[in-house]
Protein backbone atom coordinates (compact mmCIF):
# COMPACT_ATOMS: atom_id res chain seq x y z
CA MET A 1 83.69 108.32 120.40
CA ALA A 2 81.86 110.30 122.99
CA GLU A 3 83.16 111.04 126.56
CA SER A 4 81.79 112.34 129.84
CA ALA A 5 83.16 113.12 133.31
CA VAL A 6 81.75 111.82 136.56
CA THR A 7 80.84 114.57 139.01
CA SER A 8 81.51 114.45 142.72
CA LYS A 9 77.99 113.44 143.17
CA GLY A 10 78.29 110.52 140.77
CA GLN A 11 76.35 112.07 137.96
CA ILE A 12 77.32 112.25 134.25
CA THR A 13 75.81 114.11 131.25
CA ILE A 14 75.07 111.88 128.41
CA PRO A 15 76.63 113.56 125.19
CA VAL A 16 74.12 114.90 122.63
CA GLU A 17 75.20 112.57 120.00
CA VAL A 18 74.65 109.55 122.28
CA ARG A 19 71.18 110.92 123.34
CA LYS A 20 70.17 111.33 119.61
CA ALA A 21 71.46 107.90 118.73
CA MET A 22 69.42 106.27 121.52
CA GLY A 23 66.49 108.42 120.94
CA LEU A 24 66.57 109.71 124.65
CA GLU A 25 64.50 112.63 125.67
CA ALA A 26 64.17 114.45 128.98
CA GLN A 27 62.82 112.19 131.90
CA ASP A 28 63.53 108.98 129.90
CA ARG A 29 65.34 106.18 131.97
CA VAL A 30 68.24 104.14 131.04
CA VAL A 31 69.37 100.75 132.34
CA PHE A 32 72.93 99.92 133.04
CA THR A 33 73.99 96.30 132.81
CA VAL A 34 77.67 95.25 134.10
CA LEU A 35 78.99 92.17 132.28
CA HIS A 36 81.35 89.68 133.92
CA ASP A 37 84.19 91.09 131.99
CA GLY A 38 83.51 94.60 133.39
CA THR A 39 82.00 95.98 130.26
CA THR A 40 78.93 98.15 130.91
CA LEU A 41 75.94 98.37 128.69
CA MET A 42 73.55 101.29 128.70
CA ARG A 43 70.08 100.78 127.18
CA ALA A 44 67.21 103.20 126.79
CA LYS A 45 64.24 102.32 128.87
CA THR A 46 61.77 104.25 127.09
CA LYS A 47 58.83 101.71 127.10
CA SER A 48 56.87 100.22 129.84
CA ILE A 49 55.01 96.97 129.68
CA ARG A 50 51.84 99.03 129.70
CA ASP A 51 52.85 100.72 126.25
CA MET A 52 52.53 97.10 124.75
CA LYS A 53 48.90 96.82 125.72
CA GLY A 54 47.01 95.16 122.87
CA VAL A 55 49.87 94.45 120.55
CA LEU A 56 49.48 90.77 120.54
CA LYS A 57 46.23 89.27 118.80
CA ARG A 58 44.65 86.03 119.19
CA GLN A 59 42.14 84.98 116.35
CA GLY A 60 41.75 88.64 115.39
CA LYS A 61 41.09 89.70 118.98
CA ARG A 62 43.25 91.72 121.29
CA VAL A 63 44.33 89.70 124.35
CA PRO A 64 44.89 91.46 127.65
CA ILE A 65 48.22 90.82 129.27
CA SER A 66 46.52 89.39 132.26
CA GLN A 67 45.11 86.62 130.11
CA MET A 68 48.30 85.53 128.42
CA ARG A 69 49.79 82.20 129.42
CA HIS A 70 53.42 81.40 129.30
CA THR A 71 54.09 78.39 126.90
């Protein structure tokens, strides 16, 4: 189990073993989600929606996100 202290400025250092397990690098962002029972989840936010450009295909053609319809 990894542990870190909160500084007087509200900052923490993410332990190296956690950074490695999450694939975090300098300048990566993380997202915190507080659940109703007080549990807090931390997720790596290493991809943007723009990184997904072209991953979906329709009839063998790439479809721009702007042309996708919600079904």
